[in-house]
């Protein structure tokens, strides 16, 4: 059966700045069959949406189960925060901890209209189980990393890659909502041989390779002193940047580094709020875009942001781009929304996500336009101004993933939020006490 959604406005996000006012989206079997200002000739059940319909947002870099550590280690720079707070607790993580941390995170993500997240974390099966149970979508990229206190003798990353390859074999494409990639934590935490091996494993499975890159000045200064070149150029020499690569952060990049990423079509997951909170710096977003690099948005983990509201990162990205360039036109509102939608799908190698277009999955969000922040709305382009500069993720009212409604009137339908809250509170306390 075809369901027709008729809305006051439809923002397809196929091209920045386009609004259908009013608009229609038609869906059959979880796939969009028609988008336009008028209905097709198809006989359909009709749903009237009071507000705007947009594609589900895409969070391209996250460690969502870190809801378990939200609020811990505030005020520390990245290096101390990881070494003194996060990694000691992660050393005691169990699969069930990750399942509940991810479950609580999924409820938060969906409530803010995020229908796809790219996850880099441990206990990847638990993450997949939580995603499937909640009816959402994820790209799961388990990452090569050796936590403190564990042996670093020999090629310690090889057993991890064997596990990740088996995970890809078992769960890639599951329910049409799980994509599996590979990750390695970062050039400062994984030897170049391990990074190259992880990237090769991703290429052999024709899937995404995901890593942290050039996040802090201290990291990049130390890498330059040890290797005589920058992280991107060293990765290029080692063949790491071949294939589909997603680099998170990309804060400390010079012109040569940006050209390197552009040569290899490496996408960048920009995490402006996390970078600001940890005082890591401001990424050269306009320079990356001008060079033709795909830039998308990520919240990073909920312990370094500290929420999963991608609308806030959208606004912060535009703020910081303009501050860095001292140019009020550096990142326009429609362009900022593009980072969270269409560009997110492109960065993950899923151009069918983050857009409302015939033949794409029906991942959609409804946005309340009755809030005073949308007054006045005289010209079409003002909708983007209001969405980015004035609105909030809390104005998301309804969410659908593959045509299934998972949020209604602001409430998540697929997660027992109270139970998830109780589980995360209990498990977070245990992890703090055994640290």
Protein backbone atom coordinates (compact mmCIF):
# COMPACT_ATOMS: atom_id res chain seq x y z
CA UNK A 1 0.00 0.00 0.00
CA UNK A 2 1.18 3.51 -0.80
CA UNK A 3 0.97 6.12 1.94
CA UNK A 4 0.90 9.76 0.92
CA UNK A 5 2.32 12.34 3.37
CA UNK A 6 1.08 15.84 2.65
CA UNK A 7 3.00 18.57 4.49
CA UNK A 8 3.02 22.36 4.73
CA UNK A 9 6.56 22.18 3.40
CA UNK A 10 8.86 19.47 2.09
CA UNK A 11 12.62 19.99 2.10
CA UNK A 12 14.08 17.23 -0.13
CA UNK A 13 17.76 18.19 0.51
CA UNK A 14 18.70 16.82 -2.92
CA UNK A 15 19.88 20.35 -3.71
CA UNK A 16 20.55 23.00 -1.03
CA UNK A 17 17.87 25.66 -0.72
CA UNK A 18 14.93 23.88 -2.38
CA UNK A 19 11.54 23.97 -0.62
CA UNK A 20 8.23 22.50 -1.83
CA UNK A 21 5.54 24.61 -0.21
CA UNK A 22 3.27 22.64 0.22
CA UNK A 23 4.70 19.27 -0.71
CA UNK A 24 3.93 15.59 -0.97
CA UNK A 25 6.00 12.47 -0.21
CA UNK A 26 4.61 9.06 -1.17
CA UNK A 27 5.94 5.83 0.33
CA UNK A 28 5.42 2.14 -0.48
CA UNK A 29 7.15 -0.79 1.26
CA UNK A 30 9.51 1.53 3.10
CA UNK A 31 10.75 3.27 -0.06
CA UNK A 32 9.88 6.73 -1.36
CA UNK A 33 8.03 6.51 -4.68
CA UNK A 34 7.24 10.18 -5.33
CA UNK A 35 8.26 13.63 -4.06
CA UNK A 36 6.76 16.80 -5.46
CA UNK A 37 4.54 19.83 -4.99
CA UNK A 38 1.51 17.77 -6.06
CA UNK A 39 0.38 14.20 -5.51
CA UNK A 40 0.90 11.52 -8.14
CA UNK A 41 -1.98 9.59 -9.66
CA UNK A 42 -1.36 6.74 -7.23
CA UNK A 43 -4.27 5.81 -5.00
CA UNK A 44 -3.00 6.07 -1.45
CA UNK A 45 -3.82 6.42 2.19
CA UNK A 46 -3.12 10.05 3.07
CA UNK A 47 -1.43 11.37 6.20
CA UNK A 48 -1.50 15.11 6.78
CA UNK A 49 1.69 16.39 8.44
CA UNK A 50 1.30 19.70 10.25
CA UNK A 51 4.73 21.18 9.64
CA UNK A 52 7.70 20.34 7.45
CA UNK A 53 8.98 16.99 6.19
CA UNK A 54 12.74 16.60 5.89
CA UNK A 55 15.05 13.63 5.41
CA UNK A 56 16.34 12.00 8.56
CA UNK A 57 19.60 13.53 9.74
CA UNK A 58 22.87 11.59 9.51
CA UNK A 59 25.40 11.61 12.34
CA UNK A 60 28.63 10.61 10.62
CA UNK A 61 30.87 10.22 13.65
CA UNK A 62 29.74 8.99 17.01
CA UNK A 63 30.56 6.72 19.91
CA UNK A 64 26.94 6.55 21.06
CA UNK A 65 27.29 3.96 23.88
CA UNK A 66 29.36 6.56 25.71
CA UNK A 67 26.10 7.74 27.24
CA UNK A 68 27.62 5.60 30.02
CA UNK A 69 30.29 8.30 30.57
CA UNK A 70 28.30 11.47 29.94
CA UNK A 71 29.47 14.25 32.24
CA UNK A 72 32.69 12.51 33.32
CA UNK A 73 35.98 14.37 33.15
CA UNK A 74 34.60 17.78 32.26
CA UNK A 75 37.28 20.46 31.82
CA UNK A 76 40.04 18.10 30.70
CA UNK A 77 41.75 18.35 27.28
CA UNK A 78 41.35 15.37 24.98
CA UNK A 79 44.58 13.57 25.85
CA UNK A 80 43.96 13.65 29.62
CA UNK A 81 40.24 13.00 29.24
CA UNK A 82 40.93 9.79 27.31
CA UNK A 83 43.85 8.61 29.43
CA UNK A 84 42.50 9.45 32.88
CA UNK A 85 38.74 8.99 32.51
CA UNK A 86 37.53 7.19 29.39
CA UNK A 87 40.00 4.42 28.64
CA UNK A 88 40.20 3.15 32.23
CA UNK A 89 36.41 2.77 32.32
CA UNK A 90 36.22 1.27 28.84
CA UNK A 91 38.68 -1.41 29.94
CA UNK A 92 35.87 -2.84 32.09
CA UNK A 93 33.04 -2.61 29.56
CA UNK A 94 30.87 -5.65 28.98
CA UNK A 95 28.65 -6.28 25.97
CA UNK A 96 25.47 -5.67 27.96
CA UNK A 97 26.81 -2.27 29.09
CA UNK A 98 27.27 -1.28 25.46
CA UNK A 99 23.81 -2.58 24.51
CA UNK A 100 22.10 -0.38 27.09
CA UNK A 101 24.36 2.62 26.43
CA UNK A 102 23.48 2.35 22.73
CA UNK A 103 19.79 1.81 23.46
CA UNK A 104 19.56 5.00 25.48
CA UNK A 105 21.53 6.85 22.81
CA UNK A 106 19.25 5.62 20.04
CA UNK A 107 16.21 7.04 21.82
CA UNK A 108 17.99 10.39 22.04
CA UNK A 109 19.16 10.30 18.42
CA UNK A 110 15.70 9.46 17.12
CA UNK A 111 14.09 12.13 19.26
CA UNK A 112 16.33 14.69 17.54
CA UNK A 113 15.57 13.32 14.08
CA UNK A 114 18.82 11.39 13.53
CA UNK A 115 17.89 8.25 11.63
CA UNK A 116 21.42 7.05 10.76
CA UNK A 117 24.58 7.15 12.85
CA UNK A 118 28.10 6.01 12.07
CA UNK A 119 29.40 4.23 15.16
CA UNK A 120 33.00 3.55 16.14
CA UNK A 121 32.99 1.49 19.33
CA UNK A 122 33.57 -1.85 21.07
CA UNK A 123 31.18 -4.81 21.36
CA UNK A 124 29.88 -4.29 17.87
CA UNK A 125 27.29 -7.07 18.06
CA UNK A 126 25.66 -5.36 21.03
CA UNK A 127 25.49 -2.12 19.04
CA UNK A 128 23.86 -3.89 16.10
CA UNK A 129 21.35 -5.59 18.39
CA UNK A 130 20.36 -2.27 19.98
CA UNK A 131 20.00 -0.57 16.59
CA UNK A 132 17.82 -3.32 15.18
CA UNK A 133 15.63 -3.48 18.29
CA UNK A 134 15.02 0.28 18.12
CA UNK A 135 14.17 0.25 14.42
CA UNK A 136 16.84 2.75 13.44
CA UNK A 137 19.78 2.59 11.01
CA UNK A 138 23.56 2.55 11.58
CA UNK A 139 26.93 2.17 9.92
CA UNK A 140 28.95 0.23 12.50
CA UNK A 141 32.74 0.48 12.24
CA UNK A 142 34.45 -1.45 15.04
CA UNK A 143 37.88 0.03 15.56
CA UNK A 144 41.40 -1.22 16.05
CA UNK A 145 42.61 0.08 19.42
CA UNK A 146 44.70 -1.36 22.22
CA UNK A 147 43.58 0.01 25.57
CA UNK A 148 46.23 0.81 28.22
CA UNK A 149 47.52 -2.20 30.10
CA UNK A 150 47.10 -4.63 27.20
CA UNK A 151 49.99 -6.09 25.23
CA UNK A 152 51.28 -4.18 22.21
CA UNK A 153 53.71 -6.90 21.16
CA UNK A 154 53.80 -7.86 17.50
CA UNK A 155 50.92 -7.23 15.12
CA UNK A 156 48.39 -6.98 17.95
CA UNK A 157 45.77 -5.55 15.57
CA UNK A 158 45.50 -8.72 13.45
CA UNK A 159 43.24 -10.69 15.82
CA UNK A 160 40.97 -7.66 16.07
CA UNK A 161 40.70 -7.43 12.29
CA UNK A 162 39.82 -11.14 12.11
CA UNK A 163 36.94 -10.48 14.50
CA UNK A 164 35.77 -7.45 12.51
CA UNK A 165 35.90 -9.39 9.24
CA UNK A 166 33.69 -12.08 10.75
CA UNK A 167 31.31 -9.40 12.04
CA UNK A 168 31.08 -7.97 8.52
CA UNK A 169 30.34 -11.43 7.13
CA UNK A 170 27.59 -12.08 9.66
CA UNK A 171 25.79 -8.75 9.88
CA UNK A 172 26.39 -6.63 6.79
CA UNK A 173 23.03 -5.57 5.37
CA UNK A 174 21.02 -7.11 8.22
CA UNK A 175 17.34 -6.08 8.04
CA UNK A 176 18.37 -3.53 5.43
CA UNK A 177 19.47 -1.21 8.26
CA UNK A 178 22.98 -2.31 9.25
CA UNK A 179 26.09 -1.43 7.25
CA UNK A 180 29.44 -2.68 8.54
CA UNK A 181 32.75 -0.92 8.02
CA UNK A 182 36.20 -1.03 9.60
CA UNK A 183 37.96 1.55 11.75
CA UNK A 184 41.27 2.24 13.40
CA UNK A 185 41.34 4.72 16.25
CA UNK A 186 43.95 7.25 15.13
CA UNK A 187 47.51 7.68 13.80
CA UNK A 188 48.72 8.50 17.32
CA UNK A 189 47.25 5.34 18.90
CA UNK A 190 47.69 2.71 16.16
CA UNK A 191 51.00 2.05 14.32
CA UNK A 192 51.06 2.82 10.62
CA UNK A 193 51.21 -0.92 9.88
CA UNK A 194 47.97 -1.41 11.82
CA UNK A 195 46.28 1.50 10.08
CA UNK A 196 47.29 0.12 6.68
CA UNK A 197 46.05 -3.36 7.59
CA UNK A 198 42.69 -2.02 8.76
CA UNK A 199 42.29 0.05 5.61
CA UNK A 200 43.15 -2.98 3.46
CA UNK A 201 40.59 -5.08 5.33
CA UNK A 202 37.95 -2.45 4.56
CA UNK A 203 38.90 -2.39 0.88
CA UNK A 204 38.76 -6.18 0.67
CA UNK A 205 35.16 -6.03 1.90
CA UNK A 206 34.36 -3.01 -0.31
CA UNK A 207 33.28 -1.01 2.69
CA UNK A 208 34.02 2.15 4.68
CA UNK A 209 37.26 2.81 6.57
CA UNK A 210 36.84 5.24 9.47
CA UNK A 211 39.46 6.91 11.68
CA UNK A 212 40.18 9.98 13.78
CA UNK A 213 42.48 12.42 12.00
CA UNK A 214 44.31 15.62 12.97
CA UNK A 215 42.09 16.32 15.95
CA UNK A 216 44.41 18.30 18.26
CA UNK A 217 47.46 20.49 17.84
CA UNK A 218 49.46 18.43 20.34
CA UNK A 219 48.68 15.25 18.43
CA UNK A 220 49.77 16.74 15.10
CA UNK A 221 52.89 18.38 16.49
CA UNK A 222 53.98 15.11 18.07
CA UNK A 223 53.27 13.13 14.90
CA UNK A 224 55.26 15.59 12.79
CA UNK A 225 58.22 15.34 15.18
CA UNK A 226 58.14 11.52 15.09
CA UNK A 227 57.45 11.00 11.36
CA UNK A 228 58.75 14.13 9.65
CA UNK A 229 55.46 14.75 7.88
CA UNK A 230 51.80 15.37 8.63
CA UNK A 231 49.25 12.67 9.38
CA UNK A 232 47.40 12.90 6.02
CA UNK A 233 50.63 12.79 3.99
CA UNK A 234 51.96 9.85 6.00
CA UNK A 235 48.68 7.97 5.55
CA UNK A 236 48.81 8.69 1.82
CA UNK A 237 52.32 7.23 1.56
CA UNK A 238 51.21 4.10 3.40
CA UNK A 239 48.22 3.56 1.12
CA UNK A 240 45.72 4.11 3.93
CA UNK A 241 43.69 6.70 2.01
CA UNK A 242 42.78 4.40 -0.89
CA UNK A 243 39.17 3.19 -1.02
CA UNK A 244 36.27 4.74 0.87
CA UNK A 245 37.67 6.70 3.81
CA UNK A 246 35.91 8.81 6.44
CA UNK A 247 38.18 10.97 8.61
CA UNK A 248 36.71 12.37 11.80
CA UNK A 249 37.56 15.90 12.99
CA UNK A 250 40.23 17.13 10.54
CA UNK A 251 40.90 20.21 12.66
CA UNK A 252 44.64 20.75 12.17
CA UNK A 253 45.00 20.56 8.39
CA UNK A 254 47.09 22.84 6.19
CA UNK A 255 46.60 23.42 2.47
CA UNK A 256 48.77 20.42 1.52
CA UNK A 257 46.76 18.18 3.83
CA UNK A 258 43.48 19.40 2.37
CA UNK A 259 44.76 18.78 -1.16
CA UNK A 260 45.78 15.28 -0.08
CA UNK A 261 42.28 14.49 1.21
CA UNK A 262 40.73 15.89 -1.96
CA UNK A 263 43.03 13.74 -4.17
CA UNK A 264 41.77 10.60 -2.48
CA UNK A 265 38.13 11.66 -2.09
CA UNK A 266 38.39 11.31 1.68
CA UNK A 267 35.28 12.59 3.46
CA UNK A 268 35.53 14.55 6.72
CA UNK A 269 33.15 14.16 9.65
CA UNK A 270 33.14 17.63 11.22
CA UNK A 271 32.41 17.59 14.98
CA UNK A 272 32.28 21.28 15.94
CA UNK A 273 30.74 21.04 19.41
CA UNK A 274 33.06 18.31 20.63
CA UNK A 275 36.06 20.17 19.18
CA UNK A 276 34.93 23.34 20.94
CA UNK A 277 34.22 21.65 24.28
CA UNK A 278 37.63 19.96 24.31
CA UNK A 279 39.32 23.16 23.02
CA UNK A 280 40.72 21.20 20.07
CA UNK A 281 40.26 24.02 17.57
CA UNK A 282 38.14 25.00 14.56
CA UNK A 283 38.26 22.84 11.46
CA UNK A 284 38.90 24.56 8.08
CA UNK A 285 35.42 23.73 6.77
CA UNK A 286 35.27 26.35 4.02
CA UNK A 287 38.73 25.37 2.79
CA UNK A 288 37.75 21.72 2.67
CA UNK A 289 34.53 22.49 0.80
CA UNK A 290 36.33 24.77 -1.64
CA UNK A 291 38.76 21.94 -2.42
CA UNK A 292 35.87 19.59 -3.19
CA UNK A 293 36.11 17.52 -0.01
CA UNK A 294 32.82 16.07 1.22
CA UNK A 295 32.17 17.49 4.69
CA UNK A 296 29.43 16.07 6.89
CA UNK A 297 28.50 16.47 10.56
CA UNK A 298 29.08 14.34 13.64
CA UNK A 299 28.28 14.90 17.27
CA UNK A 300 31.19 12.73 18.44
CA UNK A 301 30.35 10.81 21.61
CA UNK A 302 27.81 11.97 24.19
CA UNK A 303 30.62 12.17 26.72
CA UNK A 304 32.49 14.86 24.79
CA UNK A 305 29.63 16.92 23.35
CA UNK A 306 27.56 16.16 25.64
CA UNK A 307 24.36 15.46 23.71
CA UNK A 308 23.39 13.86 20.41
CA UNK A 309 21.43 16.82 19.03
CA UNK A 310 22.81 17.26 15.52
CA UNK A 311 20.81 20.49 15.11
CA UNK A 312 23.12 22.11 17.66
CA UNK A 313 26.19 20.91 15.76
CA UNK A 314 24.66 22.27 12.55
CA UNK A 315 24.37 25.72 14.08
CA UNK A 316 27.80 25.53 15.73
CA UNK A 317 29.38 24.50 12.43
CA UNK A 318 28.01 27.64 10.79
CA UNK A 319 29.07 29.83 13.73
CA UNK A 320 32.63 28.53 13.77
CA UNK A 321 33.06 28.64 9.99
CA UNK A 322 32.14 32.31 10.01
CA UNK A 323 34.33 33.08 13.00
CA UNK A 324 37.32 31.29 11.52
CA UNK A 325 37.00 33.10 8.19
CA UNK A 326 35.62 36.36 9.63
CA UNK A 327 33.04 36.14 6.87
CA UNK A 328 29.28 36.15 7.49
CA UNK A 329 28.72 34.27 4.23
CA UNK A 330 31.23 31.50 4.96
CA UNK A 331 28.59 28.79 5.50
CA UNK A 332 25.02 29.68 4.58
CA UNK A 333 22.05 28.15 6.38
CA UNK A 334 21.04 25.87 3.51
CA UNK A 335 24.64 24.69 3.28
CA UNK A 336 24.73 23.90 7.00
CA UNK A 337 21.58 21.78 6.66
CA UNK A 338 23.20 20.03 3.70
CA UNK A 339 26.09 18.90 5.95
CA UNK A 340 23.62 17.07 8.21
CA UNK A 341 21.61 15.44 5.42
CA UNK A 342 22.74 14.85 1.82
CA UNK A 343 26.46 15.25 2.57
CA UNK A 344 26.15 12.79 5.44
CA UNK A 345 24.88 10.10 3.10
CA UNK A 346 27.63 10.90 0.59
CA UNK A 347 30.31 10.70 3.31
CA UNK A 348 29.14 7.22 4.30
CA UNK A 349 28.98 5.99 0.73
CA UNK A 350 25.19 5.96 0.95
CA UNK A 351 23.92 8.66 -1.42
CA UNK A 352 20.43 7.20 -0.98
CA UNK A 353 20.36 8.49 2.61
CA UNK A 354 19.86 12.07 3.77
CA UNK A 355 17.57 12.96 0.86
CA UNK A 356 13.89 12.67 0.00
CA UNK A 357 13.86 11.30 -3.52
CA UNK A 358 12.07 8.53 -5.41
CA UNK A 359 13.82 5.21 -4.87
CA UNK A 360 15.45 6.12 -1.54
CA UNK A 361 14.60 4.70 1.91
CA UNK A 362 11.71 6.50 3.60
CA UNK A 363 13.78 7.92 6.47
CA UNK A 364 11.88 11.11 7.28
CA UNK A 365 11.31 13.58 10.07
CA UNK A 366 8.45 15.99 10.72
CA UNK A 367 9.35 19.39 12.13
CA UNK A 368 6.93 21.67 14.00
CA UNK A 369 6.54 24.96 12.11
CA UNK A 370 4.02 26.44 14.56
CA UNK A 371 6.72 27.47 17.00
CA UNK A 372 7.24 31.26 17.21
CA UNK A 373 10.82 30.93 15.89
CA UNK A 374 9.36 30.38 12.39
CA UNK A 375 7.61 33.76 12.36
CA UNK A 376 7.82 35.50 9.97
CA UNK A 377 8.28 33.13 7.06
CA UNK A 378 7.86 35.28 3.99
CA UNK A 379 10.34 33.83 1.49
CA UNK A 380 11.30 30.20 0.92
CA UNK A 381 14.93 30.71 1.89
CA UNK A 382 13.87 32.04 5.29
CA UNK A 383 12.86 28.50 6.25
CA UNK A 384 16.54 27.50 6.19
CA UNK A 385 17.48 30.56 8.22
CA UNK A 386 14.94 29.60 10.88
CA UNK A 387 15.83 25.89 10.87
CA UNK A 388 19.54 26.53 11.38
CA UNK A 389 19.71 29.74 13.42
CA UNK A 390 16.54 29.71 15.53
CA UNK A 391 15.02 26.24 15.75
CA UNK A 392 15.93 23.28 17.94
CA UNK A 393 16.02 19.53 17.60
CA UNK A 394 13.29 19.47 20.22
CA UNK A 395 10.89 20.69 17.53
CA UNK A 396 11.13 17.33 15.77
CA UNK A 397 7.70 15.77 16.29
CA UNK A 398 7.67 12.53 14.28
CA UNK A 399 10.26 10.21 12.76
CA UNK A 400 10.06 7.35 10.28
CA UNK A 401 12.81 4.87 9.37
CA UNK A 402 12.25 2.80 6.22
CA UNK A 403 8.63 3.92 6.37
CA UNK A 404 8.06 2.72 9.94
CA UNK A 405 7.13 5.37 12.48
CA UNK A 406 9.53 5.27 15.42
CA UNK A 407 8.75 8.65 17.05
CA UNK A 408 5.26 10.09 17.43
CA UNK A 409 4.49 13.48 18.98
CA UNK A 410 7.99 13.63 20.44
CA UNK A 411 7.93 10.19 22.10
CA UNK A 412 10.09 7.27 21.01
CA UNK A 413 7.84 4.31 20.21
CA UNK A 414 10.51 1.63 20.00
CA UNK A 415 12.59 2.07 23.17
CA UNK A 416 11.59 1.67 26.82
CA UNK A 417 13.36 4.89 27.78
CA UNK A 418 12.81 4.56 31.52
CA UNK A 419 14.35 1.09 31.57
CA UNK A 420 17.27 2.29 29.44
CA UNK A 421 17.84 5.20 31.82
CA UNK A 422 17.83 2.86 34.83
CA UNK A 423 20.23 0.42 33.19
CA UNK A 424 22.70 3.11 32.11
CA UNK A 425 22.65 4.80 35.53
CA UNK A 426 23.45 1.50 37.28
CA UNK A 427 26.13 0.45 34.83
CA UNK A 428 27.80 3.86 34.74
CA UNK A 429 28.15 3.76 38.51
CA UNK A 430 29.79 0.32 38.38
CA UNK A 431 32.25 1.41 35.69
CA UNK A 432 33.21 4.49 37.70
CA UNK A 433 33.78 2.45 40.86
CA UNK A 434 35.95 -0.25 39.24
CA UNK A 435 38.06 2.24 37.29
